[in-house]
N, C-alpha and C. Protein backbone atom coordinates (compact mmCIF):
# COMPACT_ATOMS: atom_id res chain seq x y z
N MET A 1 -91.59 -73.92 21.86
CA MET A 1 -90.78 -74.94 21.18
C MET A 1 -90.68 -74.51 19.80
N ALA A 2 -89.59 -75.11 19.12
CA ALA A 2 -89.61 -74.95 17.66
C ALA A 2 -90.57 -75.96 17.13
N GLY A 3 -91.19 -75.43 15.86
CA GLY A 3 -92.16 -76.24 15.21
C GLY A 3 -93.63 -75.96 15.57
N GLU A 4 -93.69 -75.40 16.80
CA GLU A 4 -95.08 -75.07 17.28
C GLU A 4 -95.54 -73.74 16.61
N SER A 5 -96.89 -73.80 16.23
CA SER A 5 -97.35 -72.48 15.87
C SER A 5 -98.09 -71.71 16.95
N HIS A 6 -98.09 -70.41 17.02
CA HIS A 6 -98.90 -69.68 17.96
C HIS A 6 -100.02 -68.90 17.18
N PRO A 7 -101.34 -69.13 17.82
CA PRO A 7 -102.24 -68.62 17.15
C PRO A 7 -102.33 -66.94 17.26
N GLU A 8 -101.59 -66.47 18.13
CA GLU A 8 -101.45 -64.98 18.26
C GLU A 8 -100.81 -64.35 17.13
N ALA A 9 -99.83 -65.06 16.53
CA ALA A 9 -98.96 -64.53 15.66
C ALA A 9 -99.75 -64.11 14.22
N GLY A 10 -99.60 -62.91 13.85
CA GLY A 10 -100.25 -62.61 12.61
C GLY A 10 -101.74 -62.41 12.70
N SER A 11 -102.29 -62.19 13.87
CA SER A 11 -103.75 -62.12 14.22
C SER A 11 -104.28 -60.70 13.93
N GLY A 12 -104.21 -60.12 12.63
CA GLY A 12 -104.85 -58.94 12.36
C GLY A 12 -104.15 -57.64 12.77
N ARG A 13 -102.84 -57.69 13.03
CA ARG A 13 -102.21 -56.68 13.63
C ARG A 13 -101.23 -55.91 12.43
N ALA A 14 -101.91 -55.71 11.30
CA ALA A 14 -100.96 -55.23 10.17
C ALA A 14 -100.53 -53.73 10.32
N ASP A 15 -101.33 -52.91 11.13
CA ASP A 15 -100.96 -51.55 11.30
C ASP A 15 -99.79 -51.40 12.11
N GLU A 16 -99.61 -52.35 13.11
CA GLU A 16 -98.36 -52.35 13.95
C GLU A 16 -97.06 -52.63 13.17
N SER A 17 -97.11 -53.22 12.11
CA SER A 17 -95.94 -53.58 11.27
C SER A 17 -95.46 -52.33 10.42
N ARG A 18 -96.42 -51.19 10.27
CA ARG A 18 -96.09 -50.11 9.65
C ARG A 18 -96.08 -48.99 10.69
N PRO A 19 -94.88 -48.59 11.27
CA PRO A 19 -94.79 -47.72 12.32
C PRO A 19 -95.41 -46.27 12.21
N GLY A 20 -95.32 -45.78 10.93
CA GLY A 20 -95.72 -44.36 10.72
C GLY A 20 -97.22 -44.22 10.65
N LEU A 21 -97.98 -45.21 10.41
CA LEU A 21 -99.44 -44.99 10.23
C LEU A 21 -100.36 -45.34 11.55
N GLN A 22 -101.31 -44.31 11.69
CA GLN A 22 -102.13 -44.50 12.69
C GLN A 22 -103.36 -45.11 12.09
N PRO A 23 -104.42 -45.69 13.02
CA PRO A 23 -105.52 -46.30 12.36
C PRO A 23 -106.41 -45.20 11.64
N GLY A 24 -106.71 -45.53 10.50
CA GLY A 24 -107.54 -44.59 9.65
C GLY A 24 -106.79 -43.78 8.63
N ASP A 25 -105.41 -43.84 8.76
CA ASP A 25 -104.61 -43.24 7.88
C ASP A 25 -104.45 -44.03 6.52
N SER A 26 -104.37 -43.35 5.38
CA SER A 26 -104.36 -44.09 4.15
C SER A 26 -102.98 -44.28 3.71
N GLY A 27 -101.94 -43.81 4.30
CA GLY A 27 -100.59 -43.77 3.84
C GLY A 27 -100.13 -42.73 2.96
N LYS A 28 -101.16 -41.75 2.66
CA LYS A 28 -100.81 -40.71 1.61
C LYS A 28 -100.32 -39.46 2.44
N ALA A 29 -99.56 -38.68 1.85
CA ALA A 29 -98.87 -37.50 2.38
C ALA A 29 -100.05 -36.37 2.50
N ASP A 30 -99.77 -35.39 3.29
CA ASP A 30 -100.74 -34.34 3.44
C ASP A 30 -100.86 -33.60 2.16
N SER A 31 -101.92 -33.08 1.77
CA SER A 31 -102.16 -32.28 0.56
C SER A 31 -101.32 -31.00 0.59
N GLY A 32 -100.90 -30.51 1.74
CA GLY A 32 -100.12 -29.33 1.86
C GLY A 32 -98.66 -29.54 1.44
N GLN A 33 -98.28 -30.73 1.22
CA GLN A 33 -96.92 -31.06 1.06
C GLN A 33 -96.74 -31.01 -0.51
N GLY A 34 -97.67 -30.78 -1.32
CA GLY A 34 -97.64 -30.64 -2.82
C GLY A 34 -97.73 -31.85 -3.59
N GLY A 35 -98.32 -32.90 -3.15
CA GLY A 35 -98.47 -34.06 -3.79
C GLY A 35 -98.48 -35.35 -3.04
N SER A 36 -98.86 -36.48 -3.63
CA SER A 36 -98.99 -37.57 -2.77
C SER A 36 -97.60 -38.35 -2.72
N ASP A 37 -97.64 -39.29 -2.01
CA ASP A 37 -96.39 -40.19 -1.73
C ASP A 37 -95.94 -40.78 -3.26
N LEU A 38 -96.84 -41.09 -4.00
CA LEU A 38 -96.52 -41.66 -5.39
C LEU A 38 -95.77 -40.57 -6.16
N ASP A 39 -96.26 -39.29 -6.12
CA ASP A 39 -95.65 -38.28 -6.93
C ASP A 39 -94.17 -38.09 -6.51
N ARG A 40 -93.90 -38.24 -5.29
CA ARG A 40 -92.47 -38.10 -4.79
C ARG A 40 -91.68 -39.19 -5.11
N ARG A 41 -92.23 -40.34 -5.11
CA ARG A 41 -91.40 -41.57 -5.48
C ARG A 41 -91.30 -41.90 -6.86
N TYR A 42 -92.08 -41.35 -7.69
CA TYR A 42 -92.17 -41.70 -9.17
C TYR A 42 -90.96 -41.50 -9.96
N PRO A 43 -90.21 -40.25 -9.88
CA PRO A 43 -89.01 -40.19 -10.69
C PRO A 43 -87.91 -41.19 -10.06
N ILE A 44 -87.84 -41.43 -8.88
CA ILE A 44 -86.91 -42.25 -8.32
C ILE A 44 -87.13 -43.76 -8.80
N ALA A 45 -88.35 -44.15 -8.86
CA ALA A 45 -88.64 -45.56 -9.48
C ALA A 45 -88.28 -45.61 -10.93
N LEU A 46 -88.62 -44.55 -11.70
CA LEU A 46 -88.19 -44.63 -13.13
C LEU A 46 -86.73 -44.60 -13.26
N LEU A 47 -85.96 -43.92 -12.40
CA LEU A 47 -84.51 -43.81 -12.49
C LEU A 47 -83.95 -45.25 -12.14
N LEU A 48 -84.45 -45.94 -11.20
CA LEU A 48 -84.08 -47.25 -10.75
C LEU A 48 -84.37 -48.31 -11.82
N TYR A 49 -85.51 -48.15 -12.33
CA TYR A 49 -85.97 -49.00 -13.48
C TYR A 49 -84.85 -48.96 -14.56
N GLY A 50 -84.47 -47.72 -14.86
CA GLY A 50 -83.59 -47.54 -16.05
C GLY A 50 -82.22 -48.10 -15.68
N VAL A 51 -81.74 -47.88 -14.44
CA VAL A 51 -80.49 -48.53 -13.93
C VAL A 51 -80.50 -50.00 -14.02
N LEU A 52 -81.61 -50.49 -13.64
CA LEU A 52 -81.73 -51.92 -13.73
C LEU A 52 -81.77 -52.48 -15.15
N GLY A 53 -82.40 -51.81 -16.06
CA GLY A 53 -82.30 -52.07 -17.53
C GLY A 53 -80.93 -52.03 -17.94
N LEU A 54 -80.20 -51.08 -17.61
CA LEU A 54 -78.79 -51.01 -17.99
C LEU A 54 -78.00 -52.14 -17.65
N LEU A 55 -78.04 -52.34 -16.29
CA LEU A 55 -77.40 -53.60 -15.70
C LEU A 55 -77.82 -54.90 -16.45
N VAL A 56 -79.03 -55.08 -16.79
CA VAL A 56 -79.44 -56.28 -17.56
C VAL A 56 -78.66 -56.11 -18.90
N TRP A 57 -78.78 -55.06 -19.52
CA TRP A 57 -78.28 -54.96 -20.89
C TRP A 57 -76.80 -55.19 -21.00
N PHE A 58 -75.90 -54.81 -19.97
CA PHE A 58 -74.59 -54.95 -19.92
C PHE A 58 -74.06 -56.31 -19.27
N THR A 59 -74.96 -56.79 -18.61
CA THR A 59 -74.62 -58.05 -17.87
C THR A 59 -74.83 -59.31 -18.71
N LEU A 60 -76.07 -59.39 -19.18
CA LEU A 60 -76.41 -60.61 -19.93
C LEU A 60 -75.62 -60.75 -21.28
N GLY A 61 -75.26 -61.97 -21.70
CA GLY A 61 -74.49 -62.02 -22.99
C GLY A 61 -75.43 -62.01 -24.16
N GLU A 62 -74.90 -62.34 -25.26
CA GLU A 62 -75.68 -62.02 -26.68
C GLU A 62 -76.20 -63.34 -26.99
N GLY A 63 -76.53 -64.20 -26.19
CA GLY A 63 -77.17 -65.52 -26.52
C GLY A 63 -78.63 -65.31 -26.98
N THR A 64 -79.14 -66.34 -27.67
CA THR A 64 -80.51 -66.25 -28.15
C THR A 64 -81.28 -67.48 -27.64
N VAL A 65 -82.46 -67.31 -27.63
CA VAL A 65 -83.44 -68.31 -27.23
C VAL A 65 -84.68 -68.39 -28.18
N VAL A 66 -85.42 -69.51 -28.18
CA VAL A 66 -86.52 -69.62 -29.20
C VAL A 66 -87.64 -69.21 -28.25
N VAL A 67 -88.48 -68.21 -28.86
CA VAL A 67 -89.74 -67.71 -28.13
C VAL A 67 -90.84 -67.71 -29.18
N LEU A 68 -91.76 -68.62 -29.13
CA LEU A 68 -92.96 -68.78 -30.12
C LEU A 68 -92.32 -68.93 -31.43
N GLY A 69 -91.19 -69.78 -31.61
CA GLY A 69 -90.82 -70.19 -32.99
C GLY A 69 -89.70 -69.12 -33.34
N LYS A 70 -89.45 -68.06 -32.75
CA LYS A 70 -88.41 -67.11 -33.31
C LYS A 70 -87.32 -66.84 -32.49
N GLN A 71 -86.18 -66.66 -32.85
CA GLN A 71 -85.00 -66.43 -32.17
C GLN A 71 -85.05 -65.02 -31.54
N VAL A 72 -84.89 -64.92 -30.19
CA VAL A 72 -84.85 -63.63 -29.44
C VAL A 72 -83.73 -63.53 -28.66
N GLU A 73 -83.19 -62.36 -28.63
CA GLU A 73 -81.84 -62.14 -27.84
C GLU A 73 -82.30 -62.37 -26.38
N LEU A 74 -81.31 -63.03 -25.68
CA LEU A 74 -81.75 -63.35 -24.26
C LEU A 74 -81.92 -62.19 -23.31
N ARG A 75 -81.25 -61.04 -23.71
CA ARG A 75 -81.32 -59.83 -22.74
C ARG A 75 -82.68 -59.05 -23.10
N ILE A 76 -83.41 -59.42 -24.01
CA ILE A 76 -84.70 -58.81 -24.30
C ILE A 76 -85.80 -59.32 -23.27
N ILE A 77 -85.62 -60.51 -22.87
CA ILE A 77 -86.71 -60.97 -22.04
C ILE A 77 -86.84 -60.27 -20.70
N PRO A 78 -85.80 -60.19 -19.97
CA PRO A 78 -85.79 -59.50 -18.73
C PRO A 78 -86.17 -57.84 -18.92
N LEU A 79 -85.79 -57.39 -20.07
CA LEU A 79 -86.01 -55.93 -20.28
C LEU A 79 -87.63 -55.79 -20.55
N VAL A 80 -88.25 -56.80 -21.18
CA VAL A 80 -89.69 -56.73 -21.33
C VAL A 80 -90.40 -56.82 -19.94
N VAL A 81 -89.84 -57.67 -19.10
CA VAL A 81 -90.28 -57.69 -17.70
C VAL A 81 -90.27 -56.44 -17.00
N ILE A 82 -89.18 -55.84 -17.06
CA ILE A 82 -88.94 -54.65 -16.43
C ILE A 82 -89.88 -53.45 -17.01
N GLY A 83 -90.09 -53.63 -18.45
CA GLY A 83 -90.95 -52.65 -19.11
C GLY A 83 -92.41 -52.75 -18.60
N SER A 84 -92.75 -54.00 -18.20
CA SER A 84 -94.01 -54.14 -17.76
C SER A 84 -94.07 -53.57 -16.32
N PHE A 85 -93.13 -53.64 -15.45
CA PHE A 85 -93.11 -52.92 -14.15
C PHE A 85 -93.30 -51.37 -14.33
N VAL A 86 -92.49 -50.83 -15.36
CA VAL A 86 -92.57 -49.39 -15.69
C VAL A 86 -93.97 -49.03 -16.13
N LEU A 87 -94.68 -49.81 -16.88
CA LEU A 87 -95.89 -49.58 -17.31
C LEU A 87 -96.84 -49.64 -16.07
N ARG A 88 -96.76 -50.58 -15.24
CA ARG A 88 -97.47 -50.65 -14.10
C ARG A 88 -97.36 -49.44 -13.18
N THR A 89 -96.13 -48.97 -13.04
CA THR A 89 -95.78 -47.77 -12.16
C THR A 89 -96.57 -46.47 -12.73
N VAL A 90 -96.43 -46.38 -14.18
CA VAL A 90 -96.95 -45.26 -14.85
C VAL A 90 -98.49 -45.15 -14.69
N LEU A 91 -99.04 -46.46 -14.97
CA LEU A 91 -100.54 -46.46 -14.64
C LEU A 91 -100.97 -46.23 -13.34
N ALA A 92 -100.28 -46.73 -12.27
CA ALA A 92 -100.62 -46.39 -10.78
C ALA A 92 -100.61 -44.87 -10.60
N ARG A 93 -99.69 -44.29 -11.12
CA ARG A 93 -99.53 -42.83 -10.95
C ARG A 93 -100.77 -42.08 -11.54
N GLN A 94 -101.08 -42.59 -12.76
CA GLN A 94 -102.16 -41.92 -13.44
C GLN A 94 -103.53 -42.10 -12.72
N ALA A 95 -103.55 -43.33 -12.21
CA ALA A 95 -104.83 -43.62 -11.55
C ALA A 95 -104.85 -42.88 -10.19
N ASP A 96 -103.66 -42.60 -9.39
CA ASP A 96 -103.75 -41.81 -8.35
C ASP A 96 -104.19 -40.32 -8.64
N ARG A 97 -103.57 -39.91 -9.69
CA ARG A 97 -103.99 -38.43 -10.07
C ARG A 97 -105.50 -38.37 -10.50
N ILE A 98 -106.15 -39.22 -11.14
CA ILE A 98 -107.47 -39.28 -11.33
C ILE A 98 -108.24 -39.38 -10.11
N ARG A 99 -107.88 -40.09 -9.14
CA ARG A 99 -108.53 -40.27 -7.87
C ARG A 99 -108.49 -39.09 -7.15
N ARG A 100 -107.39 -38.21 -7.14
CA ARG A 100 -107.23 -37.05 -6.49
C ARG A 100 -107.88 -35.77 -7.13
N GLY A 101 -108.34 -36.02 -8.38
CA GLY A 101 -109.00 -34.89 -9.05
C GLY A 101 -108.45 -34.41 -10.33
N GLY A 102 -107.27 -35.10 -10.90
CA GLY A 102 -106.79 -34.73 -12.19
C GLY A 102 -105.86 -33.68 -12.16
N SER A 103 -105.06 -33.53 -11.11
CA SER A 103 -103.95 -32.61 -11.05
C SER A 103 -102.78 -32.85 -11.98
């Protein structure tokens, strides 16, 4: 019936929701492929962040808002948020390289 919850739903079957992984897999590519999954997706992620930044820049108007007592262009705020995602992506890649042995 609608509205009833089933105790079986979501009961620790996270591996079944990711079809390519077997129990014990970490989700990383084989070392014979020349790098981890993050290394392959890194340039694509940076390119998409750049495209998103351009869309923000050309889509938002030139309005201003007051932030901490200073006038700030409206389009700067989402660019700062996107920049924080870029920083997080760069740091995640560096951390992955350090964990793999500094390649």
